[in-house]
Every structure is written in structure tokens, then in C-alpha cells.
C-alpha atoms as a PDB file:
ATOM      1  CA  MET A   1     143.643 -91.522-153.617  1.00  0.00           C
ATOM      2  CA  LYS A   2     147.353 -92.052-152.814  1.00  0.00           C
ATOM      3  CA  THR A   3     147.674 -94.348-155.821  1.00  0.00           C
ATOM      4  CA  LYS A   4     146.350 -91.630-158.202  1.00  0.00           C
ATOM      5  CA  LEU A   5     148.703 -89.078-156.683  1.00  0.00           C
ATOM      6  CA  THR A   6     151.674 -91.404-157.062  1.00  0.00           C
ATOM      7  CA  ILE A   7     150.777 -92.183-160.732  1.00  0.00           C
ATOM      8  CA  ALA A   8     150.424 -88.460-161.443  1.00  0.00           C
ATOM      9  CA  ALA A   9     153.757 -87.735-159.771  1.00  0.00           C
ATOM     10  CA  LEU A  10     155.542 -90.473-161.776  1.00  0.00           C
ATOM     11  CA  SER A  11     153.983 -89.263-165.021  1.00  0.00           C
ATOM     12  CA  LEU A  12     155.221 -85.727-164.316  1.00  0.00           C
ATOM     13  CA  LEU A  13     158.708 -86.982-163.542  1.00  0.00           C
ATOM     14  CA  SER A  14     158.861 -89.014-166.752  1.00  0.00           C
ATOM     15  CA  VAL A  15     157.874 -85.920-168.733  1.00  0.00           C
ATOM     16  CA  LEU A  16     160.566 -83.837-167.006  1.00  0.00           C
ATOM     17  CA  SER A  17     163.236 -86.474-167.627  1.00  0.00           C
ATOM     18  CA  PHE A  18     162.297 -86.695-171.318  1.00  0.00           C
ATOM     19  CA  GLY A  19     162.692 -82.871-171.537  1.00  0.00           C
ATOM     20  CA  ALA A  20     166.118 -83.135-170.013  1.00  0.00           C
ATOM     21  CA  ASN A  21     167.129 -85.699-172.673  1.00  0.00           C
ATOM     22  CA  ALA A  22     165.957 -83.380-175.428  1.00  0.00           C
ATOM     23  CA  ALA A  23     168.636 -80.792-174.541  1.00  0.00           C
ATOM     24  CA  ALA A  24     171.230 -79.719-176.992  1.00  0.00           C
ATOM     25  CA  GLN A  25     174.654 -81.381-176.805  1.00  0.00           C
ATOM     26  CA  GLN A  26     178.104 -79.845-176.730  1.00  0.00           C
ATOM     27  CA  ILE A  27     180.207 -80.514-179.815  1.00  0.00           C
ATOM     28  CA  SER A  28     183.778 -79.801-180.882  1.00  0.00           C
ATOM     29  CA  SER A  29     184.846 -77.459-183.728  1.00  0.00           C
ATOM     30  CA  GLU A  30     185.462 -80.509-185.952  1.00  0.00           C
ATOM     31  CA  GLN A  31     182.003 -81.822-185.283  1.00  0.00           C
ATOM     32  CA  ALA A  32     180.558 -78.403-186.057  1.00  0.00           C
ATOM     33  CA  GLN A  33     181.900 -78.492-189.613  1.00  0.00           C
ATOM     34  CA  GLY A  34     179.140 -79.359-191.967  1.00  0.00           C
ATOM     35  CA  MET A  35     176.423 -78.243-189.484  1.00  0.00           C
ATOM     36  CA  GLN A  36     174.298 -75.149-190.038  1.00  0.00           C
ATOM     37  CA  PRO A  37     175.143 -72.275-187.611  1.00  0.00           C
ATOM     38  CA  MET A  38     172.150 -70.469-186.202  1.00  0.00           C
ATOM     39  CA  GLY A  39     173.488 -67.721-183.855  1.00  0.00           C
ATOM     40  CA  SER A  40     175.078 -67.621-180.437  1.00  0.00           C
ATOM     41  CA  ILE A  41     174.111 -67.519-176.742  1.00  0.00           C
ATOM     42  CA  SER A  42     175.819 -66.523-173.577  1.00  0.00           C
ATOM     43  CA  VAL A  43     175.234 -67.388-169.870  1.00  0.00           C
ATOM     44  CA  SER A  44     176.692 -65.974-166.640  1.00  0.00           C
ATOM     45  CA  GLN A  45     176.343 -67.008-163.051  1.00  0.00           C
ATOM     46  CA  VAL A  46     177.894 -66.371-159.667  1.00  0.00           C
ATOM     47  CA  GLY A  47     179.508 -69.142-157.567  1.00  0.00           C
ATOM     48  CA  SER A  48     178.509 -72.377-159.320  1.00  0.00           C
ATOM     49  CA  ALA A  49     180.228 -75.390-160.875  1.00  0.00           C
ATOM     50  CA  PRO A  50     181.318 -75.807-164.532  1.00  0.00           C
ATOM     51  CA  MET A  51     178.660 -78.522-164.901  1.00  0.00           C
ATOM     52  CA  ASP A  52     176.061 -75.816-164.095  1.00  0.00           C
ATOM     53  CA  MET A  53     177.506 -73.779-166.985  1.00  0.00           C
ATOM     54  CA  ARG A  54     177.113 -76.705-169.423  1.00  0.00           C
ATOM     55  CA  HIS A  55     173.597 -77.357-168.164  1.00  0.00           C
ATOM     56  CA  GLU A  56     172.634 -73.695-168.653  1.00  0.00           C
ATOM     57  CA  LEU A  57     174.126 -73.587-172.179  1.00  0.00           C
ATOM     58  CA  SER A  58     172.433 -76.828-173.131  1.00  0.00           C
ATOM     59  CA  GLN A  59     169.023 -75.630-171.892  1.00  0.00           C
ATOM     60  CA  LYS A  60     169.300 -72.224-173.566  1.00  0.00           C
ATOM     61  CA  ALA A  61     170.394 -73.785-176.856  1.00  0.00           C
ATOM     62  CA  ALA A  62     167.459 -76.229-176.783  1.00  0.00           C
ATOM     63  CA  GLU A  63     165.087 -73.342-176.130  1.00  0.00           C
ATOM     64  CA  LYS A  64     166.424 -71.588-179.283  1.00  0.00           C
ATOM     65  CA  GLY A  65     165.826 -74.774-181.323  1.00  0.00           C
ATOM     66  CA  ALA A  66     169.497 -75.843-181.613  1.00  0.00           C
ATOM     67  CA  SER A  67     170.518 -79.466-181.560  1.00  0.00           C
ATOM     68  CA  ALA A  68     174.108 -78.674-180.601  1.00  0.00           C
ATOM     69  CA  TYR A  69     176.367 -75.916-179.334  1.00  0.00           C
ATOM     70  CA  ARG A  70     180.118 -75.216-179.350  1.00  0.00           C
ATOM     71  CA  ILE A  71     181.692 -73.186-176.540  1.00  0.00           C
ATOM     72  CA  THR A  72     183.619 -70.297-177.986  1.00  0.00           C
ATOM     73  CA  GLU A  73     184.512 -68.461-174.758  1.00  0.00           C
ATOM     74  CA  ALA A  74     184.534 -69.482-171.087  1.00  0.00           C
ATOM     75  CA  ARG A  75     185.813 -67.601-168.034  1.00  0.00           C
ATOM     76  CA  THR A  76     185.691 -68.813-164.444  1.00  0.00           C
ATOM     77  CA  GLY A  77     186.332 -67.321-161.035  1.00  0.00           C
ATOM     78  CA  ASP A  78     183.845 -65.884-158.550  1.00  0.00           C
ATOM     79  CA  GLN A  79     181.541 -65.435-161.502  1.00  0.00           C
ATOM     80  CA  TRP A  80     181.707 -67.544-164.646  1.00  0.00           C
ATOM     81  CA  HIS A  81     180.677 -66.571-168.153  1.00  0.00           C
ATOM     82  CA  ALA A  82     180.383 -68.664-171.310  1.00  0.00           C
ATOM     83  CA  THR A  83     179.495 -67.931-174.867  1.00  0.00           C
ATOM     84  CA  ALA A  84     178.527 -70.617-177.421  1.00  0.00           C
ATOM     85  CA  GLU A  85     177.746 -70.876-181.098  1.00  0.00           C
ATOM     86  CA  LEU A  86     174.476 -72.729-181.880  1.00  0.00           C
ATOM     87  CA  TYR A  87     173.994 -75.349-184.628  1.00  0.00           C
ATOM     88  CA  LYS A  88     171.103 -77.183-186.234  1.00  0.00           C
END
């Protein structure tokens, strides 16, 4: 029974890690040239790290079907906010 539970848990973790690898990646304005723009997104959060902002942008971009995003605005402080352009 424990073996089946362990195998099921490992299978779930491998699926989750694959999903994390399928996230959109951040690109520069030079890299964005030649790519097809497909809209923009924004994220805001209170009291977290810049890596959390990148993670949120990447996840939201992937949900919209983008393969990449370019940050166009970012503000930090007690609450951070970021806006990004999406690309195929």
C-alpha cells in the first residue's frame, strides 16, 4: 500500500515539475524583435520578493499561451506591481 502511495506521489510531483518547466520565459527588448506580440498582463502583490514577481508573470503568461514575456513596467516597495508584454 505504501509503495503504491509513494509511486502516485512521485508521479504527481513529476507532472507538477514538468508544468513548471513549461512556463514562459523573460526576454529582452532585442529578443522580442521578430516575435509576434499577443497582448499584455500585469501582476501585483504585497510584501514579497522580486523572484515572486517573475514567477507570477511567467505563470500568467503561460496561462495566456505565451512562450515569452518582456517586462515593461515594474515598481517595488511595500507592494510591487509589474506589467509585461506577451509574445508567441
